């Protein structure tokens, strides 16, 4: 099974000055559930590159088991830092699509 996870590229909600992005947990939990089930995962974002992380998700009280696993997973960290450009990805090549990241994908 091939899964496309789409992360946000924007770190600010419009022109409001409000920070946005995704929390590590909202990415890590579905990522590891599907990865452990044998899925082939691709990570993309609107403009490619590093997807913005909501800083509060990196605080110690936000560290779930999946988030802790992510911070030890160099392959996942590298994929997160080098997301593919969404317009370069063919959706028809995937069995499932997962959006994460608060308002970012909107």
Foldseek 3Di string as FASTA:
>chain_A
DEEEEEWFADQDDPPPRHGWTFALVQVQPVVVVQVVVPYHYAYAYAAWFATDHDVVSVDPVNCDPSSVVCVVDPVNVVRNRGHHHPVVDDPVVGPYYHYGIPPRRD
